[in-house]
Amino acid sequence: MAIRPELHDELLKPPADERQALADELYDSLDDEPLDPTWERAWSDEIARRVQDIADGNVQLVDADEMHAELRDELQSFDK
């Protein structure tokens, strides 16, 4: 479903903080929707697999701050 162009333009007019509040409200409204049981089961299985990989020592955990810094550096290299 496409958003009408006039509605799209109107939604982009408010200041960033108001758009953020609206975006948060829209996002929160999605939590009211029932989850697809197949999707939910698939994610539960994936989470269990990842937790087991960590417990078994099959993966190396990376500090989030370090990863964010690496990603920022990598993205900045594209601008050069």
PDB file of N, CA and C in Angstrom:
ATOM      1  N   MET A   1       0.847  -1.172   0.000  1.00  0.00           N
ATOM      2  CA  MET A   1       0.000   0.000   0.000  1.00  0.00           C
ATOM      3  C   MET A   1       0.891   1.233   0.000  1.00  0.00           C
ATOM      4  N   ALA A   2       0.719   2.070  -0.964  1.00  0.00           N
ATOM      5  CA  ALA A   2       1.515   3.291  -1.075  1.00  0.00           C
ATOM      6  C   ALA A   2       0.853   4.424  -0.299  1.00  0.00           C
ATOM      7  N   ILE A   3       1.678   5.258   0.281  1.00  0.00           N
ATOM      8  CA  ILE A   3       1.168   6.438   0.980  1.00  0.00           C
ATOM      9  C   ILE A   3       0.892   7.518  -0.055  1.00  0.00           C
ATOM     10  N   ARG A   4      -0.265   8.159   0.071  1.00  0.00           N
ATOM     11  CA  ARG A   4      -0.600   9.236  -0.853  1.00  0.00           C
ATOM     12  C   ARG A   4       0.492  10.304  -0.809  1.00  0.00           C
ATOM     13  N   PRO A   5       0.909  10.844  -1.947  1.00  0.00           N
ATOM     14  CA  PRO A   5       1.987  11.830  -1.976  1.00  0.00           C
ATOM     15  C   PRO A   5       1.729  13.029  -1.064  1.00  0.00           C
ATOM     16  N   GLU A   6       0.485  13.507  -1.013  1.00  0.00           N
ATOM     17  CA  GLU A   6       0.196  14.672  -0.169  1.00  0.00           C
ATOM     18  C   GLU A   6       0.344  14.323   1.318  1.00  0.00           C
ATOM     19  N   LEU A   7      -0.018  13.102   1.705  1.00  0.00           N
ATOM     20  CA  LEU A   7       0.159  12.664   3.087  1.00  0.00           C
ATOM     21  C   LEU A   7       1.645  12.502   3.398  1.00  0.00           C
ATOM     22  N   HIS A   8       2.367  11.917   2.478  1.00  0.00           N
ATOM     23  CA  HIS A   8       3.815  11.754   2.629  1.00  0.00           C
ATOM     24  C   HIS A   8       4.481  13.106   2.868  1.00  0.00           C
ATOM     25  N   ASP A   9       4.155  14.073   2.032  1.00  0.00           N
ATOM     26  CA  ASP A   9       4.739  15.412   2.162  1.00  0.00           C
ATOM     27  C   ASP A   9       4.355  16.053   3.497  1.00  0.00           C
ATOM     28  N   GLU A  10       3.111  15.871   3.905  1.00  0.00           N
ATOM     29  CA  GLU A  10       2.639  16.451   5.163  1.00  0.00           C
ATOM     30  C   GLU A  10       3.361  15.830   6.363  1.00  0.00           C
ATOM     31  N   LEU A  11       3.603  14.534   6.297  1.00  0.00           N
ATOM     32  CA  LEU A  11       4.279  13.841   7.402  1.00  0.00           C
ATOM     33  C   LEU A  11       5.738  14.266   7.556  1.00  0.00           C
ATOM     34  N   LEU A  12       6.333  14.762   6.500  1.00  0.00           N
ATOM     35  CA  LEU A  12       7.734  15.181   6.563  1.00  0.00           C
ATOM     36  C   LEU A  12       7.913  16.639   6.960  1.00  0.00           C
ATOM     37  N   LYS A  13       6.829  17.376   7.139  1.00  0.00           N
ATOM     38  CA  LYS A  13       6.912  18.802   7.480  1.00  0.00           C
ATOM     39  C   LYS A  13       7.322  19.092   8.926  1.00  0.00           C
ATOM     40  N   PRO A  14       6.820  18.354   9.918  1.00  0.00           N
ATOM     41  CA  PRO A  14       7.135  18.709  11.318  1.00  0.00           C
ATOM     42  C   PRO A  14       8.636  18.602  11.604  1.00  0.00           C
ATOM     43  N   PRO A  15       9.070  19.242  12.695  1.00  0.00           N
ATOM     44  CA  PRO A  15      10.468  19.138  13.093  1.00  0.00           C
ATOM     45  C   PRO A  15      10.839  17.681  13.407  1.00  0.00           C
ATOM     46  N   ALA A  16      12.128  17.403  13.410  1.00  0.00           N
ATOM     47  CA  ALA A  16      12.622  16.036  13.586  1.00  0.00           C
ATOM     48  C   ALA A  16      12.102  15.382  14.861  1.00  0.00           C
ATOM     49  N   ASP A  17      12.039  16.128  15.961  1.00  0.00           N
ATOM     50  CA  ASP A  17      11.593  15.506  17.211  1.00  0.00           C
ATOM     51  C   ASP A  17      10.132  15.062  17.126  1.00  0.00           C
ATOM     52  N   GLU A  18       9.300  15.820  16.427  1.00  0.00           N
ATOM     53  CA  GLU A  18       7.901  15.432  16.269  1.00  0.00           C
ATOM     54  C   GLU A  18       7.773  14.243  15.317  1.00  0.00           C
ATOM     55  N   ARG A  19       8.584  14.226  14.264  1.00  0.00           N
ATOM     56  CA  ARG A  19       8.564  13.082  13.341  1.00  0.00           C
ATOM     57  C   ARG A  19       9.032  11.823  14.064  1.00  0.00           C
ATOM     58  N   GLN A  20      10.037  11.980  14.950  1.00  0.00           N
ATOM     59  CA  GLN A  20      10.530  10.838  15.714  1.00  0.00           C
ATOM     60  C   GLN A  20       9.441  10.296  16.627  1.00  0.00           C
ATOM     61  N   ALA A  21       8.712  11.188  17.297  1.00  0.00           N
ATOM     62  CA  ALA A  21       7.622  10.760  18.176  1.00  0.00           C
ATOM     63  C   ALA A  21       6.554  10.005  17.375  1.00  0.00           C
ATOM     64  N   LEU A  22       6.229  10.513  16.192  1.00  0.00           N
ATOM     65  CA  LEU A  22       5.243   9.845  15.347  1.00  0.00           C
ATOM     66  C   LEU A  22       5.766   8.483  14.891  1.00  0.00           C
ATOM     67  N   ALA A  23       7.028   8.432  14.497  1.00  0.00           N
ATOM     68  CA  ALA A  23       7.622   7.166  14.063  1.00  0.00           C
ATOM     69  C   ALA A  23       7.589   6.147  15.199  1.00  0.00           C
ATOM     70  N   ASP A  24       7.900   6.595  16.413  1.00  0.00           N
ATOM     71  CA  ASP A  24       7.855   5.704  17.571  1.00  0.00           C
ATOM     72  C   ASP A  24       6.446   5.178  17.800  1.00  0.00           C
ATOM     73  N   GLU A  25       5.475   6.073  17.681  1.00  0.00           N
ATOM     74  CA  GLU A  25       4.082   5.675  17.891  1.00  0.00           C
ATOM     75  C   GLU A  25       3.631   4.677  16.825  1.00  0.00           C
ATOM     76  N   LEU A  26       4.010   4.927  15.576  1.00  0.00           N
ATOM     77  CA  LEU A  26       3.666   3.995  14.504  1.00  0.00           C
ATOM     78  C   LEU A  26       4.327   2.635  14.723  1.00  0.00           C
ATOM     79  N   TYR A  27       5.597   2.661  15.110  1.00  0.00           N
ATOM     80  CA  TYR A  27       6.317   1.418  15.356  1.00  0.00           C
ATOM     81  C   TYR A  27       5.666   0.637  16.497  1.00  0.00           C
ATOM     82  N   ASP A  28       5.345   1.344  17.587  1.00  0.00           N
ATOM     83  CA  ASP A  28       4.705   0.688  18.724  1.00  0.00           C
ATOM     84  C   ASP A  28       3.365   0.074  18.340  1.00  0.00           C
ATOM     85  N   SER A  29       2.672   0.710  17.405  1.00  0.00           N
ATOM     86  CA  SER A  29       1.369   0.183  16.997  1.00  0.00           C
ATOM     87  C   SER A  29       1.505  -1.166  16.292  1.00  0.00           C
ATOM     88  N   LEU A  30       2.673  -1.463  15.763  1.00  0.00           N
ATOM     89  CA  LEU A  30       2.888  -2.742  15.096  1.00  0.00           C
ATOM     90  C   LEU A  30       2.935  -3.890  16.093  1.00  0.00           C
ATOM     91  N   ASP A  31       3.282  -3.592  17.353  1.00  0.00           N
ATOM     92  CA  ASP A  31       3.322  -4.626  18.383  1.00  0.00           C
ATOM     93  C   ASP A  31       1.951  -5.212  18.653  1.00  0.00           C
ATOM     94  N   ASP A  32       0.900  -4.493  18.292  1.00  0.00           N
ATOM     95  CA  ASP A  32      -0.459  -4.968  18.522  1.00  0.00           C
ATOM     96  C   ASP A  32      -0.883  -6.023  17.510  1.00  0.00           C
ATOM     97  N   GLU A  33      -0.113  -6.127  16.426  1.00  0.00           N
ATOM     98  CA  GLU A  33      -0.457  -7.077  15.377  1.00  0.00           C
ATOM     99  C   GLU A  33      -0.055  -8.490  15.809  1.00  0.00           C
ATOM    100  N   PRO A  34      -0.878  -9.490  15.524  1.00  0.00           N
ATOM    101  CA  PRO A  34      -0.497 -10.862  15.877  1.00  0.00           C
ATOM    102  C   PRO A  34       0.700 -11.319  15.034  1.00  0.00           C
ATOM    103  N   LEU A  35       1.582 -12.074  15.670  1.00  0.00           N
ATOM    104  CA  LEU A  35       2.761 -12.570  14.972  1.00  0.00           C
ATOM    105  C   LEU A  35       2.422 -13.831  14.187  1.00  0.00           C
ATOM    106  N   ASP A  36       3.084 -13.973  13.065  1.00  0.00           N
ATOM    107  CA  ASP A  36       2.952 -15.184  12.262  1.00  0.00           C
ATOM    108  C   ASP A  36       3.642 -16.315  13.027  1.00  0.00           C
ATOM    109  N   PRO A  37       2.934 -17.379  13.390  1.00  0.00           N
ATOM    110  CA  PRO A  37       3.535 -18.452  14.184  1.00  0.00           C
ATOM    111  C   PRO A  37       4.741 -19.102  13.497  1.00  0.00           C
ATOM    112  N   THR A  38       4.708 -19.209  12.175  1.00  0.00           N
ATOM    113  CA  THR A  38       5.844 -19.791  11.456  1.00  0.00           C
ATOM    114  C   THR A  38       7.066 -18.906  11.593  1.00  0.00           C
ATOM    115  N   TRP A  39       6.883 -17.614  11.431  1.00  0.00           N
ATOM    116  CA  TRP A  39       7.974 -16.653  11.568  1.00  0.00           C
ATOM    117  C   TRP A  39       8.513 -16.668  12.995  1.00  0.00           C
ATOM    118  N   GLU A  40       7.604 -16.651  13.975  1.00  0.00           N
ATOM    119  CA  GLU A  40       8.009 -16.638  15.378  1.00  0.00           C
ATOM    120  C   GLU A  40       8.806 -17.898  15.725  1.00  0.00           C
ATOM    121  N   ARG A  41       8.377 -19.046  15.239  1.00  0.00           N
ATOM    122  CA  ARG A  41       9.090 -20.310  15.486  1.00  0.00           C
ATOM    123  C   ARG A  41      10.462 -20.288  14.829  1.00  0.00           C
ATOM    124  N   ALA A  42      10.540 -19.773  13.608  1.00  0.00           N
ATOM    125  CA  ALA A  42      11.825 -19.712  12.908  1.00  0.00           C
ATOM    126  C   ALA A  42      12.813 -18.836  13.672  1.00  0.00           C
ATOM    127  N   TRP A  43      12.352 -17.694  14.183  1.00  0.00           N
ATOM    128  CA  TRP A  43      13.245 -16.815  14.946  1.00  0.00           C
ATOM    129  C   TRP A  43      13.636 -17.448  16.265  1.00  0.00           C
ATOM    130  N   SER A  44      12.726 -18.121  16.913  1.00  0.00           N
ATOM    131  CA  SER A  44      13.056 -18.815  18.163  1.00  0.00           C
ATOM    132  C   SER A  44      14.133 -19.866  17.925  1.00  0.00           C
ATOM    133  N   ASP A  45      14.003 -20.604  16.838  1.00  0.00           N
ATOM    134  CA  ASP A  45      15.019 -21.609  16.494  1.00  0.00           C
ATOM    135  C   ASP A  45      16.366 -20.958  16.203  1.00  0.00           C
ATOM    136  N   GLU A  46      16.340 -19.838  15.476  1.00  0.00           N
ATOM    137  CA  GLU A  46      17.584 -19.133  15.145  1.00  0.00           C
ATOM    138  C   GLU A  46      18.260 -18.587  16.399  1.00  0.00           C
ATOM    139  N   ILE A  47      17.474 -18.030  17.300  1.00  0.00           N
ATOM    140  CA  ILE A  47      18.031 -17.510  18.557  1.00  0.00           C
ATOM    141  C   ILE A  47      18.646 -18.645  19.362  1.00  0.00           C
ATOM    142  N   ALA A  48      17.957 -19.762  19.448  1.00  0.00           N
ATOM    143  CA  ALA A  48      18.484 -20.913  20.194  1.00  0.00           C
ATOM    144  C   ALA A  48      19.791 -21.401  19.574  1.00  0.00           C
ATOM    145  N   ARG A  49      19.857 -21.425  18.238  1.00  0.00           N
ATOM    146  CA  ARG A  49      21.078 -21.857  17.549  1.00  0.00           C
ATOM    147  C   ARG A  49      22.233 -20.912  17.856  1.00  0.00           C
ATOM    148  N   ARG A  50      21.963 -19.607  17.827  1.00  0.00           N
ATOM    149  CA  ARG A  50      23.010 -18.632  18.102  1.00  0.00           C
ATOM    150  C   ARG A  50      23.496 -18.711  19.547  1.00  0.00           C
ATOM    151  N   VAL A  51      22.573 -18.879  20.478  1.00  0.00           N
ATOM    152  CA  VAL A  51      22.949 -19.010  21.893  1.00  0.00           C
ATOM    153  C   VAL A  51      23.808 -20.259  22.073  1.00  0.00           C
ATOM    154  N   GLN A  52      23.436 -21.350  21.423  1.00  0.00           N
ATOM    155  CA  GLN A  52      24.215 -22.584  21.531  1.00  0.00           C
ATOM    156  C   GLN A  52      25.604 -22.398  20.930  1.00  0.00           C
ATOM    157  N   ASP A  53      25.710 -21.690  19.808  1.00  0.00           N
ATOM    158  CA  ASP A  53      27.023 -21.409  19.213  1.00  0.00           C
ATOM    159  C   ASP A  53      27.912 -20.639  20.180  1.00  0.00           C
ATOM    160  N   ILE A  54      27.328 -19.689  20.903  1.00  0.00           N
ATOM    161  CA  ILE A  54      28.094 -18.917  21.888  1.00  0.00           C
ATOM    162  C   ILE A  54      28.526 -19.834  23.025  1.00  0.00           C
ATOM    163  N   ALA A  55      27.582 -20.620  23.539  1.00  0.00           N
ATOM    164  CA  ALA A  55      27.883 -21.522  24.654  1.00  0.00           C
ATOM    165  C   ALA A  55      28.952 -22.538  24.280  1.00  0.00           C
ATOM    166  N   ASP A  56      28.939 -23.003  23.038  1.00  0.00           N
ATOM    167  CA  ASP A  56      29.914 -23.994  22.573  1.00  0.00           C
ATOM    168  C   ASP A  56      31.250 -23.376  22.183  1.00  0.00           C
ATOM    169  N   GLY A  57      31.317 -22.047  22.188  1.00  0.00           N
ATOM    170  CA  GLY A  57      32.558 -21.375  21.798  1.00  0.00           C
ATOM    171  C   GLY A  57      32.815 -21.376  20.298  1.00  0.00           C
ATOM    172  N   ASN A  58      31.777 -21.550  19.503  1.00  0.00           N
ATOM    173  CA  ASN A  58      31.921 -21.587  18.046  1.00  0.00           C
ATOM    174  C   ASN A  58      31.980 -20.211  17.403  1.00  0.00           C
ATOM    175  N   VAL A  59      31.664 -19.184  18.155  1.00  0.00           N
ATOM    176  CA  VAL A  59      31.686 -17.828  17.617  1.00  0.00           C
ATOM    177  C   VAL A  59      32.483 -16.927  18.550  1.00  0.00           C
ATOM    178  N   GLN A  60      33.052 -15.897  17.974  1.00  0.00           N
ATOM    179  CA  GLN A  60      33.789 -14.923  18.769  1.00  0.00           C
ATOM    180  C   GLN A  60      32.914 -13.690  18.913  1.00  0.00           C
ATOM    181  N   LEU A  61      32.618 -13.320  20.154  1.00  0.00           N
ATOM    182  CA  LEU A  61      31.803 -12.142  20.392  1.00  0.00           C
ATOM    183  C   LEU A  61      32.651 -10.893  20.207  1.00  0.00           C
ATOM    184  N   VAL A  62      32.022  -9.851  19.689  1.00  0.00           N
ATOM    185  CA  VAL A  62      32.717  -8.593  19.421  1.00  0.00           C
ATOM    186  C   VAL A  62      32.038  -7.495  20.223  1.00  0.00           C
ATOM    187  N   ASP A  63      32.846  -6.651  20.862  1.00  0.00           N
ATOM    188  CA  ASP A  63      32.323  -5.527  21.621  1.00  0.00           C
ATOM    189  C   ASP A  63      31.570  -4.587  20.678  1.00  0.00           C
ATOM    190  N   ALA A  64      30.363  -4.195  21.060  1.00  0.00           N
ATOM    191  CA  ALA A  64      29.527  -3.363  20.193  1.00  0.00           C
ATOM    192  C   ALA A  64      30.183  -2.017  19.893  1.00  0.00           C
ATOM    193  N   ASP A  65      30.801  -1.383  20.882  1.00  0.00           N
ATOM    194  CA  ASP A  65      31.448  -0.092  20.641  1.00  0.00           C
ATOM    195  C   ASP A  65      32.582  -0.223  19.622  1.00  0.00           C
ATOM    196  N   GLU A  66      33.349  -1.311  19.724  1.00  0.00           N
ATOM    197  CA  GLU A  66      34.429  -1.539  18.761  1.00  0.00           C
ATOM    198  C   GLU A  66      33.864  -1.750  17.352  1.00  0.00           C
ATOM    199  N   MET A  67      32.795  -2.535  17.271  1.00  0.00           N
ATOM    200  CA  MET A  67      32.189  -2.805  15.959  1.00  0.00           C
ATOM    201  C   MET A  67      31.619  -1.530  15.351  1.00  0.00           C
ATOM    202  N   HIS A  68      30.971  -0.707  16.165  1.00  0.00           N
ATOM    203  CA  HIS A  68      30.415   0.550  15.653  1.00  0.00           C
ATOM    204  C   HIS A  68      31.531   1.449  15.143  1.00  0.00           C
ATOM    205  N   ALA A  69      32.644   1.504  15.860  1.00  0.00           N
ATOM    206  CA  ALA A  69      33.775   2.321  15.424  1.00  0.00           C
ATOM    207  C   ALA A  69      34.325   1.805  14.103  1.00  0.00           C
ATOM    208  N   GLU A  70      34.463   0.493  13.974  1.00  0.00           N
ATOM    209  CA  GLU A  70      34.949  -0.085  12.716  1.00  0.00           C
ATOM    210  C   GLU A  70      34.000   0.227  11.562  1.00  0.00           C
ATOM    211  N   LEU A  71      32.705   0.108  11.817  1.00  0.00           N
ATOM    212  CA  LEU A  71      31.726   0.394  10.764  1.00  0.00           C
ATOM    213  C   LEU A  71      31.755   1.865  10.360  1.00  0.00           C
ATOM    214  N   ARG A  72      31.885   2.765  11.358  1.00  0.00           N
ATOM    215  CA  ARG A  72      31.979   4.194  11.041  1.00  0.00           C
ATOM    216  C   ARG A  72      33.207   4.465  10.168  1.00  0.00           C
ATOM    217  N   ASP A  73      34.342   3.875  10.546  1.00  0.00           N
ATOM    218  CA  ASP A  73      35.570   4.057   9.767  1.00  0.00           C
ATOM    219  C   ASP A  73      35.388   3.541   8.340  1.00  0.00           C
ATOM    220  N   GLU A  74      34.756   2.379   8.226  1.00  0.00           N
ATOM    221  CA  GLU A  74      34.543   1.802   6.907  1.00  0.00           C
ATOM    222  C   GLU A  74      33.618   2.669   6.045  1.00  0.00           C
ATOM    223  N   LEU A  75      32.544   3.158   6.658  1.00  0.00           N
ATOM    224  CA  LEU A  75      31.617   4.018   5.920  1.00  0.00           C
ATOM    225  C   LEU A  75      32.274   5.318   5.514  1.00  0.00           C
ATOM    226  N   GLN A  76      33.101   5.871   6.381  1.00  0.00           N
ATOM    227  CA  GLN A  76      33.797   7.124   6.049  1.00  0.00           C
ATOM    228  C   GLN A  76      34.784   6.918   4.919  1.00  0.00           C
ATOM    229  N   SER A  77      35.331   5.731   4.797  1.00  0.00           N
ATOM    230  CA  SER A  77      36.283   5.464   3.709  1.00  0.00           C
ATOM    231  C   SER A  77      35.593   5.514   2.348  1.00  0.00           C
ATOM    232  N   PHE A  78      34.286   5.293   2.314  1.00  0.00           N
ATOM    233  CA  PHE A  78      33.544   5.369   1.048  1.00  0.00           C
ATOM    234  C   PHE A  78      33.419   6.811   0.570  1.00  0.00           C
ATOM    235  N   ASP A  79      33.443   7.756   1.510  1.00  0.00           N
ATOM    236  CA  ASP A  79      33.301   9.170   1.155  1.00  0.00           C
ATOM    237  C   ASP A  79      34.573   9.733   0.528  1.00  0.00           C
ATOM    238  N   LYS A  80      35.671   9.027   0.684  1.00  0.00           N
ATOM    239  CA  LYS A  80      36.962   9.549   0.187  1.00  0.00           C
ATOM    240  C   LYS A  80      37.195   9.207  -1.250  1.00  0.00           C
TER     241      LYS A  80
END
